[in-house]
PDB file of N, CA and C in Angstrom:
ATOM      1  N   UNK A   1       0.879  -1.090  -0.434  1.00  0.00           N
ATOM      2  CA  UNK A   1       0.064  -0.004   0.342  1.00  0.00           C
ATOM      3  C   UNK A   1       0.972   1.051  -0.247  1.00  0.00           C
ATOM      4  N   UNK A   2       0.902   2.276  -1.243  1.00  0.00           N
ATOM      5  CA  UNK A   2       1.248   3.346  -0.810  1.00  0.00           C
ATOM      6  C   UNK A   2       0.456   4.562  -0.726  1.00  0.00           C
ATOM      7  N   UNK A   3       1.525   5.482  -0.072  1.00  0.00           N
ATOM      8  CA  UNK A   3       0.581   7.360   0.404  1.00  0.00           C
ATOM      9  C   UNK A   3      -0.290   7.718  -0.855  1.00  0.00           C
ATOM     10  N   UNK A   4       0.835   7.732  -2.051  1.00  0.00           N
ATOM     11  CA  UNK A   4       0.121   8.378  -3.441  1.00  0.00           C
ATOM     12  C   UNK A   4      -1.389   7.184  -3.493  1.00  0.00           C
ATOM     13  N   UNK A   5      -1.093   5.948  -3.752  1.00  0.00           N
ATOM     14  CA  UNK A   5      -2.313   5.868  -3.444  1.00  0.00           C
ATOM     15  C   UNK A   5      -3.748   5.442  -3.076  1.00  0.00           C
ATOM     16  N   UNK A   6      -3.539   5.747  -0.777  1.00  0.00           N
ATOM     17  CA  UNK A   6      -4.486   6.400  -0.790  1.00  0.00           C
ATOM     18  C   UNK A   6      -4.688   7.676  -0.788  1.00  0.00           C
ATOM     19  N   UNK A   7      -3.582   8.598  -0.704  1.00  0.00           N
ATOM     20  CA  UNK A   7      -4.353   9.537  -1.161  1.00  0.00           C
ATOM     21  C   UNK A   7      -5.367  10.265  -1.955  1.00  0.00           C
ATOM     22  N   UNK A   8      -4.840   9.420  -3.241  1.00  0.00           N
ATOM     23  CA  UNK A   8      -5.684   9.588  -4.790  1.00  0.00           C
ATOM     24  C   UNK A   8      -7.162   9.208  -3.984  1.00  0.00           C
ATOM     25  N   UNK A   9      -7.432   7.418  -3.296  1.00  0.00           N
ATOM     26  CA  UNK A   9      -8.342   7.782  -3.317  1.00  0.00           C
ATOM     27  C   UNK A   9      -9.277   8.441  -2.387  1.00  0.00           C
ATOM     28  N   UNK A  10      -8.671   8.978  -1.266  1.00  0.00           N
ATOM     29  CA  UNK A  10      -9.101  10.021  -0.452  1.00  0.00           C
ATOM     30  C   UNK A  10      -9.117  10.997  -0.735  1.00  0.00           C
ATOM     31  N   UNK A  11      -9.344  11.225  -2.499  1.00  0.00           N
ATOM     32  CA  UNK A  11      -8.733  12.615  -2.744  1.00  0.00           C
ATOM     33  C   UNK A  11      -8.183  14.188  -2.429  1.00  0.00           C
ATOM     34  N   UNK A  12      -6.946  13.390  -1.278  1.00  0.00           N
ATOM     35  CA  UNK A  12      -6.195  14.583  -1.048  1.00  0.00           C
ATOM     36  C   UNK A  12      -4.763  14.046  -1.889  1.00  0.00           C
ATOM     37  N   UNK A  13      -4.246  15.687  -1.117  1.00  0.00           N
ATOM     38  CA  UNK A  13      -2.839  15.575  -1.385  1.00  0.00           C
ATOM     39  C   UNK A  13      -1.480  14.197  -1.013  1.00  0.00           C
ATOM     40  N   UNK A  14      -0.731  13.372  -1.105  1.00  0.00           N
ATOM     41  CA  UNK A  14      -0.018  12.835  -0.356  1.00  0.00           C
ATOM     42  C   UNK A  14       0.699  13.353   0.735  1.00  0.00           C
ATOM     43  N   UNK A  15       1.458  14.472   0.234  1.00  0.00           N
ATOM     44  CA  UNK A  15       1.502  15.947   1.402  1.00  0.00           C
ATOM     45  C   UNK A  15       0.837  15.515   2.214  1.00  0.00           C
ATOM     46  N   UNK A  16      -0.337  16.185   2.797  1.00  0.00           N
ATOM     47  CA  UNK A  16      -1.436  16.045   3.167  1.00  0.00           C
ATOM     48  C   UNK A  16      -1.787  15.057   4.284  1.00  0.00           C
ATOM     49  N   UNK A  17      -1.921  14.018   3.521  1.00  0.00           N
ATOM     50  CA  UNK A  17      -2.215  12.749   4.218  1.00  0.00           C
ATOM     51  C   UNK A  17      -1.118  12.496   5.505  1.00  0.00           C
ATOM     52  N   UNK A  18       0.367  12.497   4.335  1.00  0.00           N
ATOM     53  CA  UNK A  18       1.530  12.439   5.167  1.00  0.00           C
ATOM     54  C   UNK A  18       1.679  13.141   6.677  1.00  0.00           C
ATOM     55  N   UNK A  19       0.851  14.883   6.351  1.00  0.00           N
ATOM     56  CA  UNK A  19       0.634  15.783   7.857  1.00  0.00           C
ATOM     57  C   UNK A  19      -0.012  15.144   8.483  1.00  0.00           C
ATOM     58  N   UNK A  20      -1.719  14.294   8.003  1.00  0.00           N
ATOM     59  CA  UNK A  20      -2.396  13.810   8.732  1.00  0.00           C
ATOM     60  C   UNK A  20      -2.086  12.765   9.962  1.00  0.00           C
ATOM     61  N   UNK A  21      -1.339  11.815   8.957  1.00  0.00           N
ATOM     62  CA  UNK A  21      -0.807  10.456   9.985  1.00  0.00           C
ATOM     63  C   UNK A  21       0.178  11.301  11.351  1.00  0.00           C
ATOM     64  N   UNK A  22       1.259  12.310  10.743  1.00  0.00           N
ATOM     65  CA  UNK A  22       1.923  12.811  11.422  1.00  0.00           C
ATOM     66  C   UNK A  22       1.237  13.347  12.970  1.00  0.00           C
ATOM     67  N   UNK A  23       0.136  13.920  12.651  1.00  0.00           N
ATOM     68  CA  UNK A  23      -0.246  15.195  13.271  1.00  0.00           C
ATOM     69  C   UNK A  23      -0.690  13.988  14.561  1.00  0.00           C
ATOM     70  N   UNK A  24      -2.319  13.072  13.807  1.00  0.00           N
ATOM     71  CA  UNK A  24      -3.287  12.052  14.628  1.00  0.00           C
ATOM     72  C   UNK A  24      -2.040  10.870  14.710  1.00  0.00           C
ATOM     73  N   UNK A  25      -1.426  10.478  14.432  1.00  0.00           N
ATOM     74  CA  UNK A  25      -0.596   9.011  15.118  1.00  0.00           C
ATOM     75  C   UNK A  25       0.277   9.165  15.761  1.00  0.00           C
ATOM     76  N   UNK A  26       0.904  10.978  14.921  1.00  0.00           N
ATOM     77  CA  UNK A  26       2.245  10.581  15.849  1.00  0.00           C
ATOM     78  C   UNK A  26       3.099  10.546  15.396  1.00  0.00           C
ATOM     79  N   UNK A  27       3.429   9.100  14.414  1.00  0.00           N
ATOM     80  CA  UNK A  27       4.195   8.194  13.285  1.00  0.00           C
ATOM     81  C   UNK A  27       4.071   8.620  11.991  1.00  0.00           C
ATOM     82  N   UNK A  28       4.404   8.042  11.216  1.00  0.00           N
ATOM     83  CA  UNK A  28       4.297   8.678   9.672  1.00  0.00           C
ATOM     84  C   UNK A  28       3.766   7.106   8.996  1.00  0.00           C
ATOM     85  N   UNK A  29       3.102   7.282   7.751  1.00  0.00           N
ATOM     86  CA  UNK A  29       2.096   6.311   7.550  1.00  0.00           C
ATOM     87  C   UNK A  29       3.166   4.930   7.122  1.00  0.00           C
ATOM     88  N   UNK A  30       4.415   5.128   6.715  1.00  0.00           N
ATOM     89  CA  UNK A  30       4.868   3.851   6.954  1.00  0.00           C
ATOM     90  C   UNK A  30       5.140   3.285   7.332  1.00  0.00           C
ATOM     91  N   UNK A  31       5.208   3.834   8.674  1.00  0.00           N
ATOM     92  CA  UNK A  31       5.760   3.194  10.321  1.00  0.00           C
ATOM     93  C   UNK A  31       4.597   2.401  10.901  1.00  0.00           C
ATOM     94  N   UNK A  32       3.225   3.062  10.501  1.00  0.00           N
ATOM     95  CA  UNK A  32       1.613   2.808  10.629  1.00  0.00           C
ATOM     96  C   UNK A  32       2.238   1.745   9.623  1.00  0.00           C
ATOM     97  N   UNK A  33       2.037   1.338   8.459  1.00  0.00           N
ATOM     98  CA  UNK A  33       1.453   0.214   7.663  1.00  0.00           C
ATOM     99  C   UNK A  33       2.903  -0.963   7.908  1.00  0.00           C
ATOM    100  N   UNK A  34       3.976  -0.526   7.855  1.00  0.00           N
ATOM    101  CA  UNK A  34       4.615  -1.645   8.420  1.00  0.00           C
ATOM    102  C   UNK A  34       4.078  -2.106  10.194  1.00  0.00           C
ATOM    103  N   UNK A  35       4.049  -1.554  11.117  1.00  0.00           N
ATOM    104  CA  UNK A  35       2.819  -1.933  12.573  1.00  0.00           C
ATOM    105  C   UNK A  35       1.901  -2.967  12.148  1.00  0.00           C
ATOM    106  N   UNK A  36       1.176  -2.676  11.370  1.00  0.00           N
ATOM    107  CA  UNK A  36       0.061  -3.350  10.633  1.00  0.00           C
ATOM    108  C   UNK A  36       0.158  -4.573   9.985  1.00  0.00           C
ATOM    109  N   UNK A  37       1.317  -4.104   9.443  1.00  0.00           N
ATOM    110  CA  UNK A  37       1.434  -5.707   8.189  1.00  0.00           C
ATOM    111  C   UNK A  37       2.726  -6.180   9.506  1.00  0.00           C
ATOM    112  N   UNK A  38       3.161  -6.024  10.474  1.00  0.00           N
ATOM    113  CA  UNK A  38       3.550  -6.648  10.962  1.00  0.00           C
ATOM    114  C   UNK A  38       2.439  -7.759  12.511  1.00  0.00           C
ATOM    115  N   UNK A  39       2.149  -6.962  13.173  1.00  0.00           N
ATOM    116  CA  UNK A  39       0.222  -7.074  13.424  1.00  0.00           C
ATOM    117  C   UNK A  39       0.332  -8.684  13.217  1.00  0.00           C
ATOM    118  N   UNK A  40      -0.031  -8.339  11.489  1.00  0.00           N
ATOM    119  CA  UNK A  40      -1.170  -9.174  10.997  1.00  0.00           C
ATOM    120  C   UNK A  40      -0.288 -10.359  10.684  1.00  0.00           C
ATOM    121  N   UNK A  41       1.226 -10.363  10.769  1.00  0.00           N
ATOM    122  CA  UNK A  41       2.388 -11.713  10.128  1.00  0.00           C
ATOM    123  C   UNK A  41       1.548 -12.566  11.574  1.00  0.00           C
ATOM    124  N   UNK A  42       2.824 -11.690  13.306  1.00  0.00           N
ATOM    125  CA  UNK A  42       1.540 -12.467  14.168  1.00  0.00           C
ATOM    126  C   UNK A  42       1.079 -13.149  14.236  1.00  0.00           C
ATOM    127  N   UNK A  43      -0.563 -12.353  14.067  1.00  0.00           N
ATOM    128  CA  UNK A  43      -1.507 -13.445  13.976  1.00  0.00           C
ATOM    129  C   UNK A  43      -1.990 -14.340  13.412  1.00  0.00           C
ATOM    130  N   UNK A  44      -0.397 -14.716  12.152  1.00  0.00           N
ATOM    131  CA  UNK A  44      -0.636 -15.617  11.275  1.00  0.00           C
ATOM    132  C   UNK A  44       0.590 -16.548  11.388  1.00  0.00           C
ATOM    133  N   UNK A  45       0.950 -16.406  12.643  1.00  0.00           N
ATOM    134  CA  UNK A  45       2.221 -16.969  12.883  1.00  0.00           C
ATOM    135  C   UNK A  45       1.561 -18.061  14.119  1.00  0.00           C
ATOM    136  N   UNK A  46       0.153 -17.348  14.765  1.00  0.00           N
ATOM    137  CA  UNK A  46       0.347 -17.941  16.027  1.00  0.00           C
ATOM    138  C   UNK A  46      -0.883 -18.955  15.662  1.00  0.00           C
ATOM    139  N   UNK A  47      -1.461 -18.396  14.351  1.00  0.00           N
ATOM    140  CA  UNK A  47      -3.222 -19.323  14.055  1.00  0.00           C
ATOM    141  C   UNK A  47      -2.803 -20.207  12.514  1.00  0.00           C
ATOM    142  N   UNK A  48      -2.063 -19.932  12.620  1.00  0.00           N
ATOM    143  CA  UNK A  48      -1.226 -21.328  11.236  1.00  0.00           C
ATOM    144  C   UNK A  48      -0.622 -21.829  10.523  1.00  0.00           C
ATOM    145  N   UNK A  49      -0.374 -22.192  10.287  1.00  0.00           N
ATOM    146  CA  UNK A  49       1.011 -23.934  10.000  1.00  0.00           C
ATOM    147  C   UNK A  49       1.162 -22.645   8.425  1.00  0.00           C
ATOM    148  N   UNK A  50       1.327 -21.933   7.966  1.00  0.00           N
ATOM    149  CA  UNK A  50       2.097 -21.220   6.862  1.00  0.00           C
ATOM    150  C   UNK A  50       3.455 -20.877   6.930  1.00  0.00           C
ATOM    151  N   UNK A  51       4.142 -21.353   5.803  1.00  0.00           N
ATOM    152  CA  UNK A  51       5.298 -21.313   5.940  1.00  0.00           C
ATOM    153  C   UNK A  51       5.804 -19.352   6.381  1.00  0.00           C
ATOM    154  N   UNK A  52       6.749 -19.558   6.737  1.00  0.00           N
ATOM    155  CA  UNK A  52       7.356 -18.091   7.250  1.00  0.00           C
ATOM    156  C   UNK A  52       6.712 -17.053   5.978  1.00  0.00           C
ATOM    157  N   UNK A  53       7.887 -18.284   5.197  1.00  0.00           N
ATOM    158  CA  UNK A  53       8.190 -17.036   3.704  1.00  0.00           C
ATOM    159  C   UNK A  53       6.688 -16.633   3.368  1.00  0.00           C
ATOM    160  N   UNK A  54       5.975 -17.469   3.164  1.00  0.00           N
ATOM    161  CA  UNK A  54       4.722 -16.975   3.007  1.00  0.00           C
ATOM    162  C   UNK A  54       3.744 -15.704   3.896  1.00  0.00           C
ATOM    163  N   UNK A  55       3.686 -16.661   4.852  1.00  0.00           N
ATOM    164  CA  UNK A  55       3.703 -15.235   5.648  1.00  0.00           C
ATOM    165  C   UNK A  55       4.724 -13.643   5.250  1.00  0.00           C
ATOM    166  N   UNK A  56       5.594 -13.935   4.876  1.00  0.00           N
ATOM    167  CA  UNK A  56       6.136 -12.456   4.996  1.00  0.00           C
ATOM    168  C   UNK A  56       5.349 -12.337   3.522  1.00  0.00           C
ATOM    169  N   UNK A  57       5.457 -12.869   2.272  1.00  0.00           N
ATOM    170  CA  UNK A  57       4.821 -12.385   0.659  1.00  0.00           C
ATOM    171  C   UNK A  57       3.120 -12.451   0.862  1.00  0.00           C
ATOM    172  N   UNK A  58       2.117 -12.938   1.385  1.00  0.00           N
ATOM    173  CA  UNK A  58       1.108 -12.712   2.350  1.00  0.00           C
ATOM    174  C   UNK A  58       1.076 -10.851   3.144  1.00  0.00           C
ATOM    175  N   UNK A  59       1.881 -10.281   3.720  1.00  0.00           N
ATOM    176  CA  UNK A  59       1.482  -9.221   4.653  1.00  0.00           C
ATOM    177  C   UNK A  59       2.625  -8.240   4.241  1.00  0.00           C
ATOM    178  N   UNK A  60       2.326  -8.667   2.715  1.00  0.00           N
ATOM    179  CA  UNK A  60       3.894  -8.176   1.577  1.00  0.00           C
ATOM    180  C   UNK A  60       5.072  -7.346   1.778  1.00  0.00           C
ATOM    181  N   UNK A  61       5.828  -8.282   2.797  1.00  0.00           N
ATOM    182  CA  UNK A  61       6.938  -7.809   2.491  1.00  0.00           C
ATOM    183  C   UNK A  61       7.993  -8.367   1.219  1.00  0.00           C
ATOM    184  N   UNK A  62       8.736  -7.679   1.116  1.00  0.00           N
ATOM    185  CA  UNK A  62       9.622  -7.247   0.005  1.00  0.00           C
ATOM    186  C   UNK A  62      10.418  -9.566  -0.677  1.00  0.00           C
ATOM    187  N   UNK A  63      10.939  -9.821   0.624  1.00  0.00           N
ATOM    188  CA  UNK A  63      11.559 -10.660   0.914  1.00  0.00           C
ATOM    189  C   UNK A  63      11.279 -11.930   2.360  1.00  0.00           C
ATOM    190  N   UNK A  64      11.664 -12.607   2.634  1.00  0.00           N
ATOM    191  CA  UNK A  64      11.368 -13.296   4.274  1.00  0.00           C
ATOM    192  C   UNK A  64      13.079 -12.291   4.592  1.00  0.00           C
ATOM    193  N   UNK A  65      13.693 -12.483   4.019  1.00  0.00           N
ATOM    194  CA  UNK A  65      14.667 -11.882   4.885  1.00  0.00           C
ATOM    195  C   UNK A  65      14.653 -10.437   5.233  1.00  0.00           C
ATOM    196  N   UNK A  66      13.763  -9.948   4.186  1.00  0.00           N
ATOM    197  CA  UNK A  66      13.530  -8.164   5.030  1.00  0.00           C
ATOM    198  C   UNK A  66      12.478  -8.590   5.871  1.00  0.00           C
ATOM    199  N   UNK A  67      10.967  -9.182   6.115  1.00  0.00           N
ATOM    200  CA  UNK A  67       9.796  -9.809   7.021  1.00  0.00           C
ATOM    201  C   UNK A  67      10.838 -10.379   8.597  1.00  0.00           C
ATOM    202  N   UNK A  68      11.960 -11.264   8.587  1.00  0.00           N
ATOM    203  CA  UNK A  68      12.675 -11.331   9.966  1.00  0.00           C
ATOM    204  C   UNK A  68      13.203 -10.060  10.271  1.00  0.00           C
ATOM    205  N   UNK A  69      13.622  -9.154   9.031  1.00  0.00           N
ATOM    206  CA  UNK A  69      14.743  -8.184   9.875  1.00  0.00           C
ATOM    207  C   UNK A  69      13.743  -7.443  10.471  1.00  0.00           C
ATOM    208  N   UNK A  70      12.563  -6.816   9.823  1.00  0.00           N
ATOM    209  CA  UNK A  70      11.463  -5.740  10.646  1.00  0.00           C
ATOM    210  C   UNK A  70      10.505  -6.589  11.626  1.00  0.00           C
ATOM    211  N   UNK A  71      10.274  -7.466  11.648  1.00  0.00           N
ATOM    212  CA  UNK A  71       9.617  -8.226  12.677  1.00  0.00           C
ATOM    213  C   UNK A  71      10.417  -8.274  13.390  1.00  0.00           C
ATOM    214  N   UNK A  72      11.885  -8.784  13.759  1.00  0.00           N
ATOM    215  CA  UNK A  72      12.663  -9.042  15.187  1.00  0.00           C
ATOM    216  C   UNK A  72      12.787  -8.239  15.588  1.00  0.00           C
ATOM    217  N   UNK A  73      12.740  -6.511  14.419  1.00  0.00           N
ATOM    218  CA  UNK A  73      13.220  -5.325  15.751  1.00  0.00           C
ATOM    219  C   UNK A  73      12.081  -5.213  16.479  1.00  0.00           C
ATOM    220  N   UNK A  74      11.164  -5.175  15.765  1.00  0.00           N
ATOM    221  CA  UNK A  74       9.227  -4.725  16.422  1.00  0.00           C
ATOM    222  C   UNK A  74       9.065  -5.380  17.243  1.00  0.00           C
ATOM    223  N   UNK A  75       9.352  -6.699  17.497  1.00  0.00           N
ATOM    224  CA  UNK A  75       8.388  -7.702  17.929  1.00  0.00           C
ATOM    225  C   UNK A  75      10.022  -8.107  19.123  1.00  0.00           C
ATOM    226  N   UNK A  76      10.846  -7.619  19.085  1.00  0.00           N
ATOM    227  CA  UNK A  76      12.271  -8.482  20.006  1.00  0.00           C
ATOM    228  C   UNK A  76      12.109  -9.631  19.610  1.00  0.00           C
ATOM    229  N   UNK A  77      11.854 -10.674  18.982  1.00  0.00           N
ATOM    230  CA  UNK A  77      12.228 -11.694  18.685  1.00  0.00           C
ATOM    231  C   UNK A  77      11.884 -12.060  17.177  1.00  0.00           C
ATOM    232  N   UNK A  78      12.704 -13.558  16.762  1.00  0.00           N
ATOM    233  CA  UNK A  78      12.313 -13.529  15.249  1.00  0.00           C
ATOM    234  C   UNK A  78      10.902 -13.982  15.212  1.00  0.00           C
ATOM    235  N   UNK A  79      10.524 -14.106  13.747  1.00  0.00           N
ATOM    236  CA  UNK A  79       9.448 -14.829  13.215  1.00  0.00           C
ATOM    237  C   UNK A  79       9.089 -16.152  13.677  1.00  0.00           C
ATOM    238  N   UNK A  80      10.054 -17.198  14.085  1.00  0.00           N
ATOM    239  CA  UNK A  80      10.284 -18.721  14.407  1.00  0.00           C
ATOM    240  C   UNK A  80       9.770 -18.779  16.229  1.00  0.00           C
ATOM    241  N   UNK A  81      10.712 -17.465  16.669  1.00  0.00           N
ATOM    242  CA  UNK A  81      10.859 -17.450  18.464  1.00  0.00           C
ATOM    243  C   UNK A  81       9.811 -17.181  18.297  1.00  0.00           C
ATOM    244  N   UNK A  82       9.089 -16.203  17.368  1.00  0.00           N
ATOM    245  CA  UNK A  82       7.650 -15.887  18.220  1.00  0.00           C
ATOM    246  C   UNK A  82       6.360 -16.955  17.475  1.00  0.00           C
ATOM    247  N   UNK A  83       6.529 -18.554  16.600  1.00  0.00           N
ATOM    248  CA  UNK A  83       5.538 -19.081  16.673  1.00  0.00           C
ATOM    249  C   UNK A  83       5.984 -19.965  17.556  1.00  0.00           C
ATOM    250  N   UNK A  84       7.551 -20.480  17.871  1.00  0.00           N
ATOM    251  CA  UNK A  84       6.900 -21.871  19.344  1.00  0.00           C
ATOM    252  C   UNK A  84       7.674 -21.075  19.820  1.00  0.00           C
ATOM    253  N   UNK A  85       7.260 -20.004  20.895  1.00  0.00           N
ATOM    254  CA  UNK A  85       7.236 -19.723  21.403  1.00  0.00           C
ATOM    255  C   UNK A  85       5.463 -19.316  22.050  1.00  0.00           C
ATOM    256  N   UNK A  86       4.539 -18.983  20.943  1.00  0.00           N
ATOM    257  CA  UNK A  86       2.585 -19.262  20.865  1.00  0.00           C
ATOM    258  C   UNK A  86       2.263 -20.817  21.028  1.00  0.00           C
ATOM    259  N   UNK A  87       3.251 -20.849  20.598  1.00  0.00           N
ATOM    260  CA  UNK A  87       2.363 -22.592  20.236  1.00  0.00           C
ATOM    261  C   UNK A  87       3.254 -23.522  22.036  1.00  0.00           C
ATOM    262  N   UNK A  88       3.661 -22.720  22.468  1.00  0.00           N
ATOM    263  CA  UNK A  88       4.149 -23.222  23.814  1.00  0.00           C
ATOM    264  C   UNK A  88       3.492 -23.140  24.911  1.00  0.00           C
ATOM    265  N   UNK A  89       2.524 -21.541  24.947  1.00  0.00           N
ATOM    266  CA  UNK A  89       1.396 -21.083  25.636  1.00  0.00           C
ATOM    267  C   UNK A  89       0.036 -21.457  25.382  1.00  0.00           C
ATOM    268  N   UNK A  90       0.181 -22.885  24.310  1.00  0.00           N
ATOM    269  CA  UNK A  90      -0.903 -23.513  24.793  1.00  0.00           C
ATOM    270  C   UNK A  90      -1.468 -24.541  25.842  1.00  0.00           C
TER     271      UNK A  90
END
């Protein structure tokens, strides 16, 4: 999802949409999207047996390596460990 596409859909400029995100959510559009994609990935890791590569694809990350880096950075644990930890909690 691109800022320009969302702005066009809403019939506002991308600059205006960017300012709205910064003012209302105190974060950039790209940060918000990245967080939402990681949240979705976490749910998929918890609730499915999809391979991590497929979860990376489904959530819009360009590669499994980028997905793993972003997920680990945001969640402080790798996707594989996150999945294992969530399975052990059941």
